Amino acid sequence: MAAERGRKKAGAARVFSKQPERIAALWRRMRLAAHEGQGVPGPSLLDGLVEPFVRELGLTLEGVETSPWSRTRAVLRLAPERGARALHDEFALLRRCLVDALEVLGGGDTERQRINRAIDEAVDSAVALLQRMADPKADGPRVPFGGLVVEYFERPSHARRAPMGRRDERSAMH
């Protein structure tokens, strides 16, 4: 029984560290499902960051002691217009995805605690970075992010759409 538990634990860590794109694909599907009926969701602040973070989480599950958030080499987008609530929402969905994947892969309480601790560090760090962006005197993150932080500016799309069944009045030039 202990050997079986050890194999499952190693299997979960291996999927996280060697195949993070599978976990990221699950997260993207969950994200789309969470926005079902609301149209296509806007770009994720965490997109492009999930795979490297999941890979580092896998290494943590294998026994690496340093923070996976500090080891993650990726781009974190911060959008002041969306605020801290958007970061909390995106990290909550990522947490749910990671814990669900861990359960399917046979991980236990110890692995779940490590994932929850890593997500807590990540969200606290991201929110502190967002606050510092607004106020340079604000405290920095307790756990530093290992990648690049960029401010994400959003502009509403004002694409002109022609009414159905109506042709453009301009003549085509060939």
C-alpha atoms as a PDB file:
ATOM      1  CA  MET A   1       0.000   0.000   0.000  1.00  0.00           C
ATOM      2  CA  ALA A   2       2.833   2.424   0.836  1.00  0.00           C
ATOM      3  CA  ALA A   3       4.594   1.474  -2.411  1.00  0.00           C
ATOM      4  CA  GLU A   4       1.405   2.155  -4.392  1.00  0.00           C
ATOM      5  CA  ARG A   5       1.038   5.539  -2.679  1.00  0.00           C
ATOM      6  CA  GLY A   6       4.665   6.365  -3.528  1.00  0.00           C
ATOM      7  CA  ARG A   7       4.112   5.460  -7.206  1.00  0.00           C
ATOM      8  CA  LYS A   8       1.004   7.665  -7.404  1.00  0.00           C
ATOM      9  CA  LYS A   9       2.832  10.548  -5.748  1.00  0.00           C
ATOM     10  CA  ALA A  10       5.733  10.194  -8.183  1.00  0.00           C
ATOM     11  CA  GLY A  11       3.279   9.962 -11.093  1.00  0.00           C
ATOM     12  CA  ALA A  12       1.580  13.222 -10.136  1.00  0.00           C
ATOM     13  CA  ALA A  13       4.905  15.009  -9.746  1.00  0.00           C
ATOM     14  CA  ARG A  14       6.089  13.612 -13.081  1.00  0.00           C
ATOM     15  CA  VAL A  15       2.992  14.820 -14.982  1.00  0.00           C
ATOM     16  CA  PHE A  16       3.293  18.277 -13.430  1.00  0.00           C
ATOM     17  CA  SER A  17       7.030  18.584 -14.139  1.00  0.00           C
ATOM     18  CA  LYS A  18       7.316  16.757 -17.481  1.00  0.00           C
ATOM     19  CA  GLN A  19       3.918  17.475 -19.084  1.00  0.00           C
ATOM     20  CA  PRO A  20       2.768  20.864 -17.785  1.00  0.00           C
ATOM     21  CA  GLU A  21       1.052  21.583 -21.099  1.00  0.00           C
ATOM     22  CA  ARG A  22      -1.558  18.918 -20.230  1.00  0.00           C
ATOM     23  CA  ILE A  23      -2.415  20.695 -16.987  1.00  0.00           C
ATOM     24  CA  ALA A  24      -2.399  24.073 -18.772  1.00  0.00           C
ATOM     25  CA  ALA A  25      -4.813  22.746 -21.417  1.00  0.00           C
ATOM     26  CA  LEU A  26      -7.149  21.619 -18.639  1.00  0.00           C
ATOM     27  CA  TRP A  27      -6.903  25.083 -17.037  1.00  0.00           C
ATOM     28  CA  ARG A  28      -7.745  26.759 -20.363  1.00  0.00           C
ATOM     29  CA  ARG A  29     -10.811  24.528 -20.813  1.00  0.00           C
ATOM     30  CA  MET A  30     -11.929  25.278 -17.252  1.00  0.00           C
ATOM     31  CA  ARG A  31     -11.447  28.990 -17.890  1.00  0.00           C
ATOM     32  CA  LEU A  32     -13.601  28.879 -21.025  1.00  0.00           C
ATOM     33  CA  ALA A  33     -16.269  26.854 -19.200  1.00  0.00           C
ATOM     34  CA  ALA A  34     -16.293  29.380 -16.339  1.00  0.00           C
ATOM     35  CA  HIS A  35     -17.105  32.139 -18.844  1.00  0.00           C
ATOM     36  CA  GLU A  36     -19.689  30.117 -20.775  1.00  0.00           C
ATOM     37  CA  GLY A  37     -22.620  32.240 -21.846  1.00  0.00           C
ATOM     38  CA  GLN A  38     -20.644  35.453 -21.287  1.00  0.00           C
ATOM     39  CA  GLY A  39     -18.903  35.443 -24.651  1.00  0.00           C
ATOM     40  CA  VAL A  40     -15.226  34.801 -25.209  1.00  0.00           C
ATOM     41  CA  PRO A  41     -13.232  35.735 -22.101  1.00  0.00           C
ATOM     42  CA  GLY A  42     -10.588  38.416 -22.398  1.00  0.00           C
ATOM     43  CA  PRO A  43      -6.932  37.474 -22.385  1.00  0.00           C
ATOM     44  CA  SER A  44      -5.819  35.796 -19.203  1.00  0.00           C
ATOM     45  CA  LEU A  45      -3.304  37.559 -17.013  1.00  0.00           C
ATOM     46  CA  LEU A  46      -1.734  34.159 -16.350  1.00  0.00           C
ATOM     47  CA  ASP A  47      -1.591  32.825 -19.904  1.00  0.00           C
ATOM     48  CA  GLY A  48       1.977  31.941 -20.806  1.00  0.00           C
ATOM     49  CA  LEU A  49       2.818  31.653 -17.126  1.00  0.00           C
ATOM     50  CA  VAL A  50       0.831  28.519 -16.317  1.00  0.00           C
ATOM     51  CA  GLU A  51       3.098  25.947 -18.017  1.00  0.00           C
ATOM     52  CA  PRO A  52       6.361  27.145 -16.394  1.00  0.00           C
ATOM     53  CA  PHE A  53       4.633  27.491 -13.011  1.00  0.00           C
ATOM     54  CA  VAL A  54       3.139  23.987 -13.232  1.00  0.00           C
ATOM     55  CA  ARG A  55       6.568  22.615 -14.208  1.00  0.00           C
ATOM     56  CA  GLU A  56       8.097  24.239 -11.115  1.00  0.00           C
ATOM     57  CA  LEU A  57       5.232  22.908  -8.984  1.00  0.00           C
ATOM     58  CA  GLY A  58       6.093  19.439 -10.258  1.00  0.00           C
ATOM     59  CA  LEU A  59       9.672  19.913  -9.109  1.00  0.00           C
ATOM     60  CA  THR A  60       8.343  21.011  -5.712  1.00  0.00           C
ATOM     61  CA  LEU A  61       6.246  17.840  -5.551  1.00  0.00           C
ATOM     62  CA  GLU A  62       9.447  15.915  -6.330  1.00  0.00           C
ATOM     63  CA  GLY A  63      11.147  17.534  -3.324  1.00  0.00           C
ATOM     64  CA  VAL A  64      12.764  20.793  -4.480  1.00  0.00           C
ATOM     65  CA  GLU A  65      12.526  23.114  -1.472  1.00  0.00           C
ATOM     66  CA  THR A  66      12.641  26.638  -2.952  1.00  0.00           C
ATOM     67  CA  SER A  67       9.484  28.478  -3.967  1.00  0.00           C
ATOM     68  CA  PRO A  68       8.085  27.431  -7.355  1.00  0.00           C
ATOM     69  CA  TRP A  69       6.849  31.020  -7.827  1.00  0.00           C
ATOM     70  CA  SER A  70      10.395  32.341  -7.434  1.00  0.00           C
ATOM     71  CA  ARG A  71      11.723  29.737  -9.875  1.00  0.00           C
ATOM     72  CA  THR A  72       9.084  30.427 -12.535  1.00  0.00           C
ATOM     73  CA  ARG A  73      10.579  32.098 -15.602  1.00  0.00           C
ATOM     74  CA  ALA A  74       7.623  33.605 -17.455  1.00  0.00           C
ATOM     75  CA  VAL A  75       5.687  36.830 -17.971  1.00  0.00           C
ATOM     76  CA  LEU A  76       3.125  37.964 -15.394  1.00  0.00           C
ATOM     77  CA  ARG A  77       0.660  40.485 -16.759  1.00  0.00           C
ATOM     78  CA  LEU A  78      -0.814  42.954 -14.288  1.00  0.00           C
ATOM     79  CA  ALA A  79      -3.841  44.978 -15.363  1.00  0.00           C
ATOM     80  CA  PRO A  80      -4.623  47.885 -13.022  1.00  0.00           C
ATOM     81  CA  GLU A  81      -8.036  48.279 -14.693  1.00  0.00           C
ATOM     82  CA  ARG A  82      -8.969  44.732 -13.696  1.00  0.00           C
ATOM     83  CA  GLY A  83      -7.510  45.108 -10.212  1.00  0.00           C
ATOM     84  CA  ALA A  84      -6.666  42.558  -7.549  1.00  0.00           C
ATOM     85  CA  ARG A  85     -10.057  40.846  -7.880  1.00  0.00           C
ATOM     86  CA  ALA A  86      -9.127  39.585 -11.360  1.00  0.00           C
ATOM     87  CA  LEU A  87      -5.867  38.145 -10.029  1.00  0.00           C
ATOM     88  CA  HIS A  88      -7.684  36.415  -7.176  1.00  0.00           C
ATOM     89  CA  ASP A  89     -10.249  34.975  -9.608  1.00  0.00           C
ATOM     90  CA  GLU A  90      -7.644  33.683 -12.060  1.00  0.00           C
ATOM     91  CA  PHE A  91      -5.491  32.129  -9.340  1.00  0.00           C
ATOM     92  CA  ALA A  92      -8.593  30.559  -7.729  1.00  0.00           C
ATOM     93  CA  LEU A  93      -9.422  28.854 -11.013  1.00  0.00           C
ATOM     94  CA  LEU A  94      -5.808  27.712 -11.392  1.00  0.00           C
ATOM     95  CA  ARG A  95      -5.861  26.337  -7.824  1.00  0.00           C
ATOM     96  CA  ARG A  96      -9.038  24.384  -8.531  1.00  0.00           C
ATOM     97  CA  CYS A  97      -7.527  22.992 -11.730  1.00  0.00           C
ATOM     98  CA  LEU A  98      -4.286  21.943 -10.020  1.00  0.00           C
ATOM     99  CA  VAL A  99      -6.032  20.298  -7.078  1.00  0.00           C
ATOM    100  CA  ASP A 100      -8.458  18.465  -9.399  1.00  0.00           C
ATOM    101  CA  ALA A 101      -5.555  17.220 -11.524  1.00  0.00           C
ATOM    102  CA  LEU A 102      -3.660  16.151  -8.416  1.00  0.00           C
ATOM    103  CA  GLU A 103      -6.639  14.134  -7.170  1.00  0.00           C
ATOM    104  CA  VAL A 104      -7.034  12.390 -10.530  1.00  0.00           C
ATOM    105  CA  LEU A 105      -3.313  11.584 -10.547  1.00  0.00           C
ATOM    106  CA  GLY A 106      -3.481  10.105  -7.046  1.00  0.00           C
ATOM    107  CA  GLY A 107      -1.759  12.838  -5.050  1.00  0.00           C
ATOM    108  CA  GLY A 108      -2.449  13.142  -1.351  1.00  0.00           C
ATOM    109  CA  ASP A 109      -2.729  15.725   1.397  1.00  0.00           C
ATOM    110  CA  THR A 110       0.972  16.580   1.447  1.00  0.00           C
ATOM    111  CA  GLU A 111       0.980  17.385  -2.267  1.00  0.00           C
ATOM    112  CA  ARG A 112      -2.264  19.350  -1.956  1.00  0.00           C
ATOM    113  CA  GLN A 113      -0.722  21.426   0.849  1.00  0.00           C
ATOM    114  CA  ARG A 114       2.330  22.172  -1.296  1.00  0.00           C
ATOM    115  CA  ILE A 115       0.143  23.275  -4.203  1.00  0.00           C
ATOM    116  CA  ASN A 116      -2.010  25.460  -1.959  1.00  0.00           C
ATOM    117  CA  ARG A 117       1.056  27.046  -0.377  1.00  0.00           C
ATOM    118  CA  ALA A 118       2.543  27.764  -3.828  1.00  0.00           C
ATOM    119  CA  ILE A 119      -0.696  29.334  -5.075  1.00  0.00           C
ATOM    120  CA  ASP A 120      -0.964  31.415  -1.889  1.00  0.00           C
ATOM    121  CA  GLU A 121       2.586  32.685  -2.435  1.00  0.00           C
ATOM    122  CA  ALA A 122       1.863  33.440  -6.081  1.00  0.00           C
ATOM    123  CA  VAL A 123      -1.361  35.358  -5.529  1.00  0.00           C
ATOM    124  CA  ASP A 124       0.083  37.313  -2.578  1.00  0.00           C
ATOM    125  CA  SER A 125       3.129  38.208  -4.661  1.00  0.00           C
ATOM    126  CA  ALA A 126       1.099  39.222  -7.722  1.00  0.00           C
ATOM    127  CA  VAL A 127      -1.255  41.405  -5.668  1.00  0.00           C
ATOM    128  CA  ALA A 128       1.705  43.048  -3.888  1.00  0.00           C
ATOM    129  CA  LEU A 129       3.300  43.769  -7.274  1.00  0.00           C
ATOM    130  CA  LEU A 130       0.025  45.262  -8.510  1.00  0.00           C
ATOM    131  CA  GLN A 131      -0.216  47.463  -5.404  1.00  0.00           C
ATOM    132  CA  ARG A 132       3.383  48.532  -5.825  1.00  0.00           C
ATOM    133  CA  MET A 133       2.644  49.487  -9.421  1.00  0.00           C
ATOM    134  CA  ALA A 134       0.035  51.945  -8.137  1.00  0.00           C
ATOM    135  CA  ASP A 135       2.107  53.074  -5.145  1.00  0.00           C
ATOM    136  CA  PRO A 136       5.903  52.687  -5.384  1.00  0.00           C
ATOM    137  CA  LYS A 137       6.133  53.075  -1.588  1.00  0.00           C
ATOM    138  CA  ALA A 138       3.984  49.989  -0.988  1.00  0.00           C
ATOM    139  CA  ASP A 139       5.689  46.880   0.355  1.00  0.00           C
ATOM    140  CA  GLY A 140       7.065  44.502  -2.227  1.00  0.00           C
ATOM    141  CA  PRO A 141       6.109  40.848  -2.346  1.00  0.00           C
ATOM    142  CA  ARG A 142       7.213  38.554   0.453  1.00  0.00           C
ATOM    143  CA  VAL A 143       8.027  35.874  -2.129  1.00  0.00           C
ATOM    144  CA  PRO A 144       9.554  37.381  -5.281  1.00  0.00           C
ATOM    145  CA  PHE A 145       8.384  36.357  -8.729  1.00  0.00           C
ATOM    146  CA  GLY A 146      11.141  34.801 -10.847  1.00  0.00           C
ATOM    147  CA  GLY A 147       9.955  36.130 -14.189  1.00  0.00           C
ATOM    148  CA  LEU A 148       9.133  39.396 -15.881  1.00  0.00           C
ATOM    149  CA  VAL A 149       6.250  41.593 -14.705  1.00  0.00           C
ATOM    150  CA  VAL A 150       4.512  43.778 -17.283  1.00  0.00           C
ATOM    151  CA  GLU A 151       1.660  46.225 -17.040  1.00  0.00           C
ATOM    152  CA  TYR A 152      -1.142  45.114 -19.325  1.00  0.00           C
ATOM    153  CA  PHE A 153      -3.164  47.888 -20.935  1.00  0.00           C
ATOM    154  CA  GLU A 154      -6.570  47.047 -22.316  1.00  0.00           C
ATOM    155  CA  ARG A 155      -8.474  48.987 -24.892  1.00  0.00           C
ATOM    156  CA  PRO A 156     -12.040  48.236 -25.855  1.00  0.00           C
ATOM    157  CA  SER A 157     -12.441  47.001 -29.385  1.00  0.00           C
ATOM    158  CA  HIS A 158     -14.440  49.340 -31.591  1.00  0.00           C
ATOM    159  CA  ALA A 159     -14.505  47.179 -34.687  1.00  0.00           C
ATOM    160  CA  ARG A 160     -17.127  48.316 -37.164  1.00  0.00           C
ATOM    161  CA  ARG A 161     -19.515  45.594 -38.212  1.00  0.00           C
ATOM    162  CA  ALA A 162     -21.703  45.873 -41.289  1.00  0.00           C
ATOM    163  CA  PRO A 163     -25.341  44.866 -40.818  1.00  0.00           C
ATOM    164  CA  MET A 164     -26.172  41.393 -42.103  1.00  0.00           C
ATOM    165  CA  GLY A 165     -27.210  41.260 -45.744  1.00  0.00           C
ATOM    166  CA  ARG A 166     -25.774  44.642 -46.603  1.00  0.00           C
ATOM    167  CA  ARG A 167     -22.789  45.038 -48.883  1.00  0.00           C
ATOM    168  CA  ASP A 168     -20.046  47.551 -48.385  1.00  0.00           C
ATOM    169  CA  GLU A 169     -20.794  50.619 -50.504  1.00  0.00           C
ATOM    170  CA  ARG A 170     -17.177  50.986 -51.557  1.00  0.00           C
ATOM    171  CA  SER A 171     -16.217  49.310 -54.777  1.00  0.00           C
ATOM    172  CA  ALA A 172     -13.575  46.655 -54.668  1.00  0.00           C
ATOM    173  CA  MET A 173     -10.339  47.354 -56.446  1.00  0.00           C
ATOM    174  CA  HIS A 174      -8.583  44.448 -58.065  1.00  0.00           C
END
